[in-house]
C-alpha atoms as a PDB file:
ATOM      1  CA  LEU A   1      -0.021   0.024   0.015  1.00  0.00           C
ATOM      2  CA  PHE A   2       2.835   2.413   0.904  1.00  0.00           C
ATOM      3  CA  PHE A   3       4.692   1.913  -2.306  1.00  0.00           C
ATOM      4  CA  GLY A   4       1.583   1.887  -4.327  1.00  0.00           C
ATOM      5  CA  VAL A   5       0.801   5.430  -3.287  1.00  0.00           C
ATOM      6  CA  MET A   6       4.363   6.704  -4.242  1.00  0.00           C
ATOM      7  CA  PRO A   7       3.544   7.243  -7.960  1.00  0.00           C
ATOM      8  CA  ALA A   8       0.525   9.395  -7.111  1.00  0.00           C
ATOM      9  CA  ILE A   9       2.746  11.663  -4.927  1.00  0.00           C
ATOM     10  CA  PHE A  10       5.895  11.881  -6.917  1.00  0.00           C
ATOM     11  CA  CYS A  11       4.856  11.258 -10.623  1.00  0.00           C
ATOM     12  CA  LYS A  12       3.466  14.613 -11.632  1.00  0.00           C
ATOM     13  CA  GLU A  13       1.836  14.666 -15.055  1.00  0.00           C
ATOM     14  CA  MET A  14       2.063  17.647 -17.341  1.00  0.00           C
ATOM     15  CA  ASP A  15      -1.261  19.118 -18.556  1.00  0.00           C
ATOM     16  CA  VAL A  16      -0.902  19.464 -22.264  1.00  0.00           C
ATOM     17  CA  SER A  17      -4.607  19.656 -23.067  1.00  0.00           C
ATOM     18  CA  ASP A  18      -6.709  22.696 -23.864  1.00  0.00           C
ATOM     19  CA  ALA A  19     -10.323  23.608 -23.838  1.00  0.00           C
ATOM     20  CA  GLU A  20     -10.744  22.920 -27.485  1.00  0.00           C
ATOM     21  CA  SER A  21      -9.570  19.329 -27.266  1.00  0.00           C
ATOM     22  CA  LYS A  22     -11.611  18.295 -24.238  1.00  0.00           C
ATOM     23  CA  ALA A  23     -14.864  16.387 -24.695  1.00  0.00           C
ATOM     24  CA  ASN A  24     -18.049  17.537 -23.052  1.00  0.00           C
ATOM     25  CA  LEU A  25     -18.963  14.720 -20.583  1.00  0.00           C
ATOM     26  CA  THR A  26     -22.774  15.088 -20.674  1.00  0.00           C
ATOM     27  CA  MET A  27     -25.546  12.647 -21.573  1.00  0.00           C
ATOM     28  CA  LYS A  28     -26.409  14.846 -24.550  1.00  0.00           C
ATOM     29  CA  ASP A  29     -22.859  14.257 -25.947  1.00  0.00           C
ATOM     30  CA  LEU A  30     -22.813  10.563 -25.124  1.00  0.00           C
ATOM     31  CA  THR A  31     -23.360   9.327 -28.684  1.00  0.00           C
ATOM     32  CA  LYS A  32     -20.811  11.760 -30.086  1.00  0.00           C
ATOM     33  CA  ASN A  33     -18.266  10.692 -27.513  1.00  0.00           C
ATOM     34  CA  MET A  34     -18.834   6.985 -28.205  1.00  0.00           C
ATOM     35  CA  LYS A  35     -18.261   7.646 -31.913  1.00  0.00           C
ATOM     36  CA  ILE A  36     -14.993   9.404 -30.992  1.00  0.00           C
ATOM     37  CA  LEU A  37     -13.991   6.445 -28.780  1.00  0.00           C
ATOM     38  CA  TRP A  38     -14.774   3.943 -31.555  1.00  0.00           C
ATOM     39  CA  GLU A  39     -12.806   5.884 -34.120  1.00  0.00           C
ATOM     40  CA  THR A  40      -9.865   6.149 -31.682  1.00  0.00           C
ATOM     41  CA  MET A  41      -9.921   2.443 -31.008  1.00  0.00           C
ATOM     42  CA  LYS A  42      -9.908   1.751 -34.749  1.00  0.00           C
ATOM     43  CA  ASN A  43      -6.995   4.055 -35.191  1.00  0.00           C
ATOM     44  CA  MET A  44      -5.136   2.132 -32.486  1.00  0.00           C
ATOM     45  CA  THR A  45      -5.161  -1.016 -34.606  1.00  0.00           C
ATOM     46  CA  LYS A  46      -2.982   0.904 -37.082  1.00  0.00           C
ATOM     47  CA  ASN A  47      -0.464   1.815 -34.418  1.00  0.00           C
ATOM     48  CA  ASN A  48       2.068  -0.898 -34.913  1.00  0.00           C
ATOM     49  CA  PRO A  49       4.115  -0.357 -31.719  1.00  0.00           C
ATOM     50  CA  PHE A  50       0.975  -0.509 -29.595  1.00  0.00           C
ATOM     51  CA  MET A  51      -0.372  -3.634 -31.296  1.00  0.00           C
ATOM     52  CA  ARG A  52       2.960  -5.295 -30.696  1.00  0.00           C
ATOM     53  CA  LEU A  53       2.804  -4.383 -26.950  1.00  0.00           C
ATOM     54  CA  CYS A  54      -0.694  -5.791 -26.693  1.00  0.00           C
ATOM     55  CA  GLY A  55       0.275  -8.989 -28.551  1.00  0.00           C
ATOM     56  CA  ALA A  56       3.352  -9.631 -26.485  1.00  0.00           C
ATOM     57  CA  THR A  57       1.440  -8.911 -23.253  1.00  0.00           C
ATOM     58  CA  PHE A  58      -1.379 -11.225 -24.261  1.00  0.00           C
ATOM     59  CA  LEU A  59       1.109 -14.025 -24.988  1.00  0.00           C
ATOM     60  CA  VAL A  60       3.259 -13.725 -21.898  1.00  0.00           C
ATOM     61  CA  PHE A  61       0.625 -13.021 -19.370  1.00  0.00           C
ATOM     62  CA  ASN A  62      -1.892 -15.534 -20.565  1.00  0.00           C
ATOM     63  CA  GLY A  63       0.570 -18.241 -21.218  1.00  0.00           C
ATOM     64  CA  PHE A  64       1.442 -17.873 -17.486  1.00  0.00           C
ATOM     65  CA  GLN A  65      -2.167 -17.723 -16.485  1.00  0.00           C
ATOM     66  CA  MET A  66      -3.081 -20.892 -18.412  1.00  0.00           C
ATOM     67  CA  VAL A  67      -0.679 -22.887 -16.196  1.00  0.00           C
ATOM     68  CA  ALA A  68      -0.938 -20.930 -12.977  1.00  0.00           C
ATOM     69  CA  SER A  69      -2.908 -23.581 -11.177  1.00  0.00           C
ATOM     70  CA  PHE A  70      -0.742 -26.401 -12.499  1.00  0.00           C
ATOM     71  CA  SER A  71       2.060 -25.836 -10.026  1.00  0.00           C
ATOM     72  CA  TYR A  72      -0.175 -26.367  -7.102  1.00  0.00           C
ATOM     73  CA  PHE A  73      -1.487 -29.726  -8.538  1.00  0.00           C
ATOM     74  CA  ILE A  74       1.995 -30.886  -9.491  1.00  0.00           C
ATOM     75  CA  ILE A  75       3.391 -30.122  -5.974  1.00  0.00           C
ATOM     76  CA  VAL A  76       0.512 -31.979  -4.275  1.00  0.00           C
ATOM     77  CA  PHE A  77      -0.050 -34.867  -6.544  1.00  0.00           C
ATOM     78  CA  TYR A  78       3.496 -35.473  -7.999  1.00  0.00           C
ATOM     79  CA  MET A  79       5.931 -34.127  -5.441  1.00  0.00           C
ATOM     80  CA  TYR A  80       3.949 -35.280  -2.366  1.00  0.00           C
ATOM     81  CA  LYS A  81       1.977 -38.183  -4.023  1.00  0.00           C
ATOM     82  CA  GLY A  82      -1.497 -36.714  -3.441  1.00  0.00           C
ATOM     83  CA  SER A  83      -0.961 -35.790   0.256  1.00  0.00           C
ATOM     84  CA  TYR A  84      -2.267 -32.265   1.000  1.00  0.00           C
ATOM     85  CA  GLU A  85      -0.999 -32.680   4.569  1.00  0.00           C
ATOM     86  CA  MET A  86       2.570 -33.391   3.497  1.00  0.00           C
ATOM     87  CA  ALA A  87       2.525 -30.615   0.915  1.00  0.00           C
ATOM     88  CA  GLY A  88       1.375 -28.191   3.571  1.00  0.00           C
ATOM     89  CA  THR A  89       2.272 -24.587   2.724  1.00  0.00           C
ATOM     90  CA  VAL A  90       4.838 -25.506   0.063  1.00  0.00           C
ATOM     91  CA  PRO A  91       2.522 -24.383  -2.835  1.00  0.00           C
ATOM     92  CA  ALA A  92       1.737 -21.066  -1.140  1.00  0.00           C
ATOM     93  CA  ILE A  93       5.431 -20.454  -0.262  1.00  0.00           C
ATOM     94  CA  PHE A  94       6.377 -21.236  -3.948  1.00  0.00           C
ATOM     95  CA  SER A  95       4.047 -18.492  -5.156  1.00  0.00           C
ATOM     96  CA  ILE A  96       4.934 -16.043  -2.337  1.00  0.00           C
ATOM     97  CA  LEU A  97       8.678 -16.348  -3.108  1.00  0.00           C
ATOM     98  CA  GLY A  98       7.976 -15.604  -6.776  1.00  0.00           C
ATOM     99  CA  ALA A  99       6.080 -12.418  -5.931  1.00  0.00           C
ATOM    100  CA  PHE A 100       8.594 -11.322  -3.281  1.00  0.00           C
ATOM    101  CA  LEU A 101      11.595 -11.850  -5.684  1.00  0.00           C
ATOM    102  CA  THR A 102       9.708  -9.936  -8.356  1.00  0.00           C
ATOM    103  CA  ALA A 103       9.231  -6.926  -6.075  1.00  0.00           C
ATOM    104  CA  VAL A 104      12.688  -6.680  -4.472  1.00  0.00           C
ATOM    105  CA  LEU A 105      15.000  -8.199  -7.103  1.00  0.00           C
ATOM    106  CA  ILE A 106      13.521  -8.615 -10.547  1.00  0.00           C
ATOM    107  CA  ILE A 107      11.972  -5.172 -11.127  1.00  0.00           C
ATOM    108  CA  PRO A 108      15.280  -3.327 -10.132  1.00  0.00           C
ATOM    109  CA  ILE A 109      17.214  -5.659 -12.471  1.00  0.00           C
ATOM    110  CA  VAL A 110      14.765  -5.139 -15.333  1.00  0.00           C
ATOM    111  CA  SER A 111      14.854  -1.357 -14.779  1.00  0.00           C
ATOM    112  CA  TRP A 112      18.707  -1.507 -14.986  1.00  0.00           C
ATOM    113  CA  LEU A 113      18.618  -3.591 -18.160  1.00  0.00           C
ATOM    114  CA  ALA A 114      16.155  -1.110 -19.703  1.00  0.00           C
ATOM    115  CA  ASN A 115      18.443   1.845 -18.927  1.00  0.00           C
ATOM    116  CA  LYS A 116      21.525   0.037 -20.213  1.00  0.00           C
ATOM    117  CA  TYR A 117      20.218  -1.851 -23.152  1.00  0.00           C
ATOM    118  CA  GLY A 118      16.862  -0.260 -23.973  1.00  0.00           C
ATOM    119  CA  LYS A 119      13.340  -1.359 -23.175  1.00  0.00           C
ATOM    120  CA  ARG A 120      12.829  -3.703 -26.110  1.00  0.00           C
ATOM    121  CA  ASN A 121      16.083  -5.564 -25.386  1.00  0.00           C
ATOM    122  CA  ALA A 122      15.296  -5.689 -21.689  1.00  0.00           C
ATOM    123  CA  PHE A 123      11.905  -7.304 -22.515  1.00  0.00           C
ATOM    124  CA  ILE A 124      13.564  -9.872 -24.758  1.00  0.00           C
ATOM    125  CA  ILE A 125      16.220 -10.671 -22.179  1.00  0.00           C
ATOM    126  CA  SER A 126      13.758 -11.003 -19.302  1.00  0.00           C
ATOM    127  CA  THR A 127      11.304 -13.116 -21.370  1.00  0.00           C
ATOM    128  CA  ILE A 128      14.118 -15.524 -22.453  1.00  0.00           C
ATOM    129  CA  LEU A 129      15.168 -15.811 -18.726  1.00  0.00           C
ATOM    130  CA  SER A 130      11.583 -16.728 -17.882  1.00  0.00           C
ATOM    131  CA  ILE A 131      11.647 -19.491 -20.563  1.00  0.00           C
ATOM    132  CA  ILE A 132      14.773 -20.852 -18.889  1.00  0.00           C
ATOM    133  CA  GLY A 133      12.762 -20.789 -15.545  1.00  0.00           C
ATOM    134  CA  TYR A 134       9.801 -22.646 -16.953  1.00  0.00           C
ATOM    135  CA  SER A 135      12.171 -25.238 -18.444  1.00  0.00           C
ATOM    136  CA  LEU A 136      13.902 -25.690 -15.049  1.00  0.00           C
ATOM    137  CA  LYS A 137      10.551 -26.861 -13.586  1.00  0.00           C
ATOM    138  CA  TRP A 138      11.256 -30.271 -15.040  1.00  0.00           C
ATOM    139  CA  TRP A 139      14.182 -30.700 -12.660  1.00  0.00           C
ATOM    140  CA  GLY A 140      12.761 -28.524  -9.866  1.00  0.00           C
ATOM    141  CA  PHE A 141       9.508 -30.503  -9.421  1.00  0.00           C
ATOM    142  CA  VAL A 142      10.880 -33.780  -8.028  1.00  0.00           C
ATOM    143  CA  VAL A 143       9.221 -36.433  -5.924  1.00  0.00           C
ATOM    144  CA  VAL A 144       9.989 -35.648  -2.288  1.00  0.00           C
ATOM    145  CA  ASP A 145      11.379 -38.519  -0.171  1.00  0.00           C
ATOM    146  CA  GLU A 146      13.821 -38.955   2.795  1.00  0.00           C
ATOM    147  CA  ASN A 147      16.747 -38.085   0.575  1.00  0.00           C
ATOM    148  CA  THR A 148      15.353 -34.703  -0.536  1.00  0.00           C
ATOM    149  CA  ALA A 149      17.161 -31.656   0.805  1.00  0.00           C
ATOM    150  CA  VAL A 150      14.511 -29.541   2.599  1.00  0.00           C
ATOM    151  CA  LEU A 151      15.151 -25.911   3.641  1.00  0.00           C
ATOM    152  CA  PHE A 152      13.725 -24.969   7.077  1.00  0.00           C
ATOM    153  CA  ASN A 153      12.797 -28.567   7.717  1.00  0.00           C
ATOM    154  CA  ASP A 154      10.295 -28.859  10.663  1.00  0.00           C
ATOM    155  CA  VAL A 155      10.332 -25.050  11.240  1.00  0.00           C
ATOM    156  CA  VAL A 156       6.948 -23.801  12.215  1.00  0.00           C
ATOM    157  CA  LEU A 157       5.957 -20.102  12.546  1.00  0.00           C
ATOM    158  CA  GLN A 158       3.139 -18.876  14.700  1.00  0.00           C
ATOM    159  CA  ILE A 159       1.196 -15.709  14.051  1.00  0.00           C
ATOM    160  CA  GLY A 160      -1.470 -15.280  16.718  1.00  0.00           C
ATOM    161  CA  VAL A 161      -3.231 -18.632  16.923  1.00  0.00           C
ATOM    162  CA  VAL A 162      -2.214 -19.666  13.435  1.00  0.00           C
ATOM    163  CA  LYS A 163       0.664 -22.091  13.009  1.00  0.00           C
ATOM    164  CA  PHE A 164       2.236 -22.921   9.644  1.00  0.00           C
ATOM    165  CA  SER A 165       5.271 -24.710   8.332  1.00  0.00           C
ATOM    166  CA  ILE A 166       7.774 -22.894   6.100  1.00  0.00           C
ATOM    167  CA  GLU A 167       9.760 -25.933   4.959  1.00  0.00           C
ATOM    168  CA  MET A 168      10.680 -25.947   1.252  1.00  0.00           C
ATOM    169  CA  PRO A 169      12.364 -28.493  -0.922  1.00  0.00           C
ATOM    170  CA  LEU A 170      15.743 -26.874  -1.931  1.00  0.00           C
ATOM    171  CA  ILE A 171      15.526 -27.974  -5.502  1.00  0.00           C
ATOM    172  CA  LEU A 172      12.060 -26.229  -5.892  1.00  0.00           C
ATOM    173  CA  LEU A 173      13.855 -22.830  -5.469  1.00  0.00           C
ATOM    174  CA  LEU A 174      15.868 -23.337  -8.691  1.00  0.00           C
ATOM    175  CA  PRO A 175      13.225 -22.098 -11.266  1.00  0.00           C
ATOM    176  CA  ILE A 176      11.604 -19.310  -9.147  1.00  0.00           C
ATOM    177  CA  PRO A 177      14.053 -16.427  -9.849  1.00  0.00           C
ATOM    178  CA  PHE A 178      14.003 -17.124 -13.581  1.00  0.00           C
ATOM    179  CA  ILE A 179      10.200 -17.503 -13.725  1.00  0.00           C
ATOM    180  CA  ALA A 180       9.767 -14.154 -11.924  1.00  0.00           C
ATOM    181  CA  PHE A 181      11.471 -12.399 -14.834  1.00  0.00           C
ATOM    182  CA  GLY A 182       8.426 -13.142 -16.924  1.00  0.00           C
ATOM    183  CA  LEU A 183       5.681 -11.026 -15.329  1.00  0.00           C
ATOM    184  CA  GLY A 184       8.262  -8.786 -13.585  1.00  0.00           C
ATOM    185  CA  GLY A 185       9.803  -7.752 -16.833  1.00  0.00           C
ATOM    186  CA  LEU A 186       6.437  -7.568 -18.698  1.00  0.00           C
ATOM    187  CA  PHE A 187       4.544  -5.144 -16.453  1.00  0.00           C
ATOM    188  CA  THR A 188       7.660  -3.120 -15.554  1.00  0.00           C
ATOM    189  CA  LEU A 189       8.367  -2.376 -19.189  1.00  0.00           C
ATOM    190  CA  MET A 190       4.996  -2.400 -20.904  1.00  0.00           C
ATOM    191  CA  MET A 191       3.539   0.512 -19.046  1.00  0.00           C
ATOM    192  CA  SER A 192       6.578   2.608 -19.808  1.00  0.00           C
ATOM    193  CA  MET A 193       6.539   1.590 -23.446  1.00  0.00           C
ATOM    194  CA  THR A 194       2.730   2.447 -23.607  1.00  0.00           C
ATOM    195  CA  ALA A 195       3.777   6.026 -22.525  1.00  0.00           C
ATOM    196  CA  ASP A 196       6.158   6.171 -25.444  1.00  0.00           C
ATOM    197  CA  VAL A 197       3.284   5.113 -27.800  1.00  0.00           C
ATOM    198  CA  CYS A 198       1.134   7.914 -26.326  1.00  0.00           C
ATOM    199  CA  ASP A 199       3.771  10.429 -27.272  1.00  0.00           C
ATOM    200  CA  LEU A 200       3.918   8.946 -30.817  1.00  0.00           C
ATOM    201  CA  ASP A 201       0.123   9.129 -31.095  1.00  0.00           C
ATOM    202  CA  GLU A 202       0.095  12.742 -30.005  1.00  0.00           C
ATOM    203  CA  LEU A 203       2.763  13.600 -32.600  1.00  0.00           C
ATOM    204  CA  LYS A 204       0.810  11.961 -35.385  1.00  0.00           C
ATOM    205  CA  ASN A 205      -2.791  12.812 -34.418  1.00  0.00           C
ATOM    206  CA  GLY A 206      -2.474  15.883 -32.156  1.00  0.00           C
ATOM    207  CA  LEU A 207      -4.549  16.606 -28.990  1.00  0.00           C
ATOM    208  CA  PRO A 208      -6.283  15.328 -27.032  1.00  0.00           C
ATOM    209  CA  ARG A 209      -3.698  12.855 -25.695  1.00  0.00           C
ATOM    210  CA  ARG A 210      -5.164   9.386 -25.390  1.00  0.00           C
ATOM    211  CA  GLU A 211      -3.438   7.824 -22.338  1.00  0.00           C
ATOM    212  CA  GLY A 212      -6.777   6.878 -20.838  1.00  0.00           C
ATOM    213  CA  THR A 213      -7.925   5.154 -24.035  1.00  0.00           C
ATOM    214  CA  PHE A 214      -4.634   3.319 -24.570  1.00  0.00           C
ATOM    215  CA  GLY A 215      -4.603   2.243 -20.985  1.00  0.00           C
ATOM    216  CA  ALA A 216      -8.257   1.095 -21.066  1.00  0.00           C
ATOM    217  CA  VAL A 217      -7.817  -0.920 -24.299  1.00  0.00           C
ATOM    218  CA  TYR A 218      -4.536  -2.466 -23.075  1.00  0.00           C
ATOM    219  CA  TRP A 219      -6.111  -3.733 -19.798  1.00  0.00           C
ATOM    220  CA  TRP A 220      -9.395  -4.659 -21.485  1.00  0.00           C
ATOM    221  CA  MET A 221      -7.320  -6.933 -23.764  1.00  0.00           C
ATOM    222  CA  VAL A 222      -5.450  -8.340 -20.690  1.00  0.00           C
ATOM    223  CA  LYS A 223      -8.671  -9.141 -18.902  1.00  0.00           C
ATOM    224  CA  ILE A 224     -10.326 -10.759 -21.862  1.00  0.00           C
ATOM    225  CA  GLY A 225      -7.145 -12.824 -22.458  1.00  0.00           C
ATOM    226  CA  GLN A 226      -7.089 -13.803 -18.772  1.00  0.00           C
ATOM    227  CA  SER A 227     -10.663 -15.190 -19.032  1.00  0.00           C
ATOM    228  CA  ILE A 228      -9.725 -17.168 -22.148  1.00  0.00           C
ATOM    229  CA  ALA A 229      -6.538 -18.510 -20.490  1.00  0.00           C
ATOM    230  CA  LEU A 230      -8.401 -19.680 -17.407  1.00  0.00           C
ATOM    231  CA  ALA A 231     -10.894 -21.553 -19.496  1.00  0.00           C
ATOM    232  CA  LEU A 232      -8.145 -23.108 -21.666  1.00  0.00           C
ATOM    233  CA  GLY A 233      -6.269 -24.040 -18.452  1.00  0.00           C
ATOM    234  CA  GLY A 234      -9.276 -25.995 -17.382  1.00  0.00           C
ATOM    235  CA  LEU A 235      -9.528 -27.608 -20.803  1.00  0.00           C
ATOM    236  CA  VAL A 236      -5.885 -28.732 -20.624  1.00  0.00           C
ATOM    237  CA  LEU A 237      -6.526 -30.285 -17.212  1.00  0.00           C
ATOM    238  CA  SER A 238      -9.393 -32.181 -18.681  1.00  0.00           C
ATOM    239  CA  MET A 239      -7.488 -33.274 -21.736  1.00  0.00           C
ATOM    240  CA  VAL A 240      -4.629 -34.849 -19.658  1.00  0.00           C
ATOM    241  CA  GLY A 241      -7.198 -36.646 -17.532  1.00  0.00           C
ATOM    242  CA  PHE A 242      -6.566 -34.786 -14.286  1.00  0.00           C
ATOM    243  CA  ASP A 243      -9.235 -35.105 -11.582  1.00  0.00           C
ATOM    244  CA  ALA A 244      -8.661 -33.195  -8.328  1.00  0.00           C
ATOM    245  CA  GLY A 245     -11.283 -35.315  -6.693  1.00  0.00           C
ATOM    246  CA  ASN A 246      -9.047 -38.346  -6.894  1.00  0.00           C
ATOM    247  CA  ALA A 247      -6.498 -38.965  -4.106  1.00  0.00           C
ATOM    248  CA  THR A 248      -3.920 -40.124  -6.631  1.00  0.00           C
ATOM    249  CA  GLN A 249      -3.241 -39.437 -10.276  1.00  0.00           C
ATOM    250  CA  SER A 250      -1.762 -41.790 -12.878  1.00  0.00           C
ATOM    251  CA  PHE A 251       1.932 -41.408 -13.852  1.00  0.00           C
ATOM    252  CA  GLU A 252       0.844 -40.624 -17.440  1.00  0.00           C
ATOM    253  CA  THR A 253      -1.584 -37.885 -16.288  1.00  0.00           C
ATOM    254  CA  MET A 254       1.050 -36.142 -14.123  1.00  0.00           C
ATOM    255  CA  ASN A 255       3.689 -36.544 -16.802  1.00  0.00           C
ATOM    256  CA  GLN A 256       1.507 -34.842 -19.400  1.00  0.00           C
ATOM    257  CA  LEU A 257       0.514 -32.150 -16.963  1.00  0.00           C
ATOM    258  CA  ARG A 258       4.211 -31.428 -16.205  1.00  0.00           C
ATOM    259  CA  ILE A 259       4.966 -31.282 -19.924  1.00  0.00           C
ATOM    260  CA  ALA A 260       1.993 -28.892 -20.523  1.00  0.00           C
ATOM    261  CA  ASP A 261       3.147 -26.794 -17.491  1.00  0.00           C
ATOM    262  CA  ILE A 262       6.463 -26.187 -19.256  1.00  0.00           C
ATOM    263  CA  ILE A 263       5.542 -26.220 -22.987  1.00  0.00           C
ATOM    264  CA  ILE A 264       2.634 -23.744 -22.890  1.00  0.00           C
ATOM    265  CA  PRO A 265       4.338 -20.693 -21.200  1.00  0.00           C
ATOM    266  CA  CYS A 266       7.645 -21.431 -23.054  1.00  0.00           C
ATOM    267  CA  LEU A 267       5.804 -21.408 -26.415  1.00  0.00           C
ATOM    268  CA  THR A 268       3.756 -18.189 -25.669  1.00  0.00           C
ATOM    269  CA  ALA A 269       6.865 -16.428 -24.274  1.00  0.00           C
ATOM    270  CA  ALA A 270       8.909 -17.395 -27.401  1.00  0.00           C
ATOM    271  CA  LEU A 271       6.093 -16.054 -29.620  1.00  0.00           C
ATOM    272  CA  ALA A 272       6.155 -12.796 -27.570  1.00  0.00           C
ATOM    273  CA  VAL A 273       9.867 -12.354 -28.247  1.00  0.00           C
ATOM    274  CA  TRP A 274       9.096 -12.855 -31.926  1.00  0.00           C
ATOM    275  CA  VAL A 275       6.366 -10.242 -31.840  1.00  0.00           C
ATOM    276  CA  MET A 276       8.702  -7.719 -30.083  1.00  0.00           C
ATOM    277  CA  TRP A 277      11.747  -8.466 -32.283  1.00  0.00           C
ATOM    278  CA  ASN A 278      10.953  -5.752 -34.750  1.00  0.00           C
ATOM    279  CA  TYR A 279       9.515  -3.260 -32.265  1.00  0.00           C
ATOM    280  CA  ASP A 280      11.037  -0.004 -33.711  1.00  0.00           C
ATOM    281  CA  LEU A 281      10.077   2.568 -31.055  1.00  0.00           C
ATOM    282  CA  ASN A 282      13.576   2.638 -29.551  1.00  0.00           C
ATOM    283  CA  GLU A 283      15.141   5.132 -27.168  1.00  0.00           C
ATOM    284  CA  ASP A 284      16.587   7.355 -29.959  1.00  0.00           C
ATOM    285  CA  LYS A 285      13.258   7.588 -31.715  1.00  0.00           C
ATOM    286  CA  VAL A 286      11.373   8.185 -28.455  1.00  0.00           C
ATOM    287  CA  ALA A 287      13.811  11.134 -27.704  1.00  0.00           C
ATOM    288  CA  GLU A 288      13.294  12.617 -31.096  1.00  0.00           C
ATOM    289  CA  ILE A 289       9.475  12.449 -30.675  1.00  0.00           C
ATOM    290  CA  LYS A 290       9.693  14.166 -27.285  1.00  0.00           C
ATOM    291  CA  LYS A 291      11.793  17.005 -28.746  1.00  0.00           C
ATOM    292  CA  GLU A 292       9.306  17.470 -31.534  1.00  0.00           C
ATOM    293  CA  LEU A 293       6.412  17.531 -29.096  1.00  0.00           C
ATOM    294  CA  GLU A 294       8.194  20.041 -26.921  1.00  0.00           C
ATOM    295  CA  LEU A 295       8.728  22.345 -29.871  1.00  0.00           C
ATOM    296  CA  LYS A 296       5.018  22.011 -30.983  1.00  0.00           C
ATOM    297  CA  ARG A 297       3.855  22.754 -27.405  1.00  0.00           C
ATOM    298  CA  ALA A 298       6.190  25.745 -27.158  1.00  0.00           C
ATOM    299  CA  GLU A 299       4.951  27.177 -30.459  1.00  0.00           C
ATOM    300  CA  LYS A 300       1.364  26.698 -29.384  1.00  0.00           C
ATOM    301  CA  SER A 301       1.919  28.342 -26.025  1.00  0.00           C
ATOM    302  CA  ASN A 302       3.597  31.344 -27.759  1.00  0.00           C
ATOM    303  CA  THR A 303       0.751  31.759 -30.234  1.00  0.00           C
ATOM    304  CA  PRO A 304      -1.412  34.754 -29.311  1.00  0.00           C
ATOM    305  CA  LYS A 305      -5.016  33.936 -28.632  1.00  0.00           C
ATOM    306  CA  ASN A 306      -7.920  35.872 -30.222  1.00  0.00           C
ATOM    307  CA  ILE A 307      -9.803  37.838 -27.569  1.00  0.00           C
ATOM    308  CA  SER A 308     -13.423  38.660 -28.589  1.00  0.00           C
END
């Protein structure tokens, strides 16, 4: 919550609009505004950099979402042979560590990569690292027995009246930092790159700026994709013959589920790299666009206004 408020305090936006470019938000103008919105959305499909951002996001995020629940089932039914009691908090800790590493380690690294090599290259590097992470799941998700090295074995934390174990098979930590580069790199970079697209759109189409519309379309696409991914994830579970109601699963079912857990996000991430490979809105071009916009704004602000 604390860090979430920081952008609102320190990221001040510049008001580049004027009275002529602002829409009248009244019921009377609703039809007119909807027509403007529709035309704007159609124009966005002609914005090649923005369509590439949407495509790459759709692939990386929804490839991850399709298999998001698979890790839980693999940990319980493969690593711990169907014992929810033995699995304990391992699935939760696996997810928590990924989120924690994203916040404290991956985002700073991705930011450094973007500053040093450019946003497009940082995205490609982070996505390739996530592919490595997904691949390492094959060796990270192993059947746990008495010979498995376990971190914090038999360590129990108590918060109030709640007690929970924090033990974690050591090998399971192997893929987590690499996997975290996927979403960590995606949402660190895509919002910044969308801002660059907004500058390009203002240069080509003038005011009003369309940050709100770009943001709305981008996240609308993400949410629709997420719904599709969740449905497809359920379809994959059904196709491999997985039934959570059974105490045990067949070796063939778990093997196919493990393969799907790796192949699906690796394939979608690789396609996202291909989509972004020819993304041409690089740092030099963005800098030129900003200079041109500053000149246009300066000329406009120095233009005398007619006083009736």
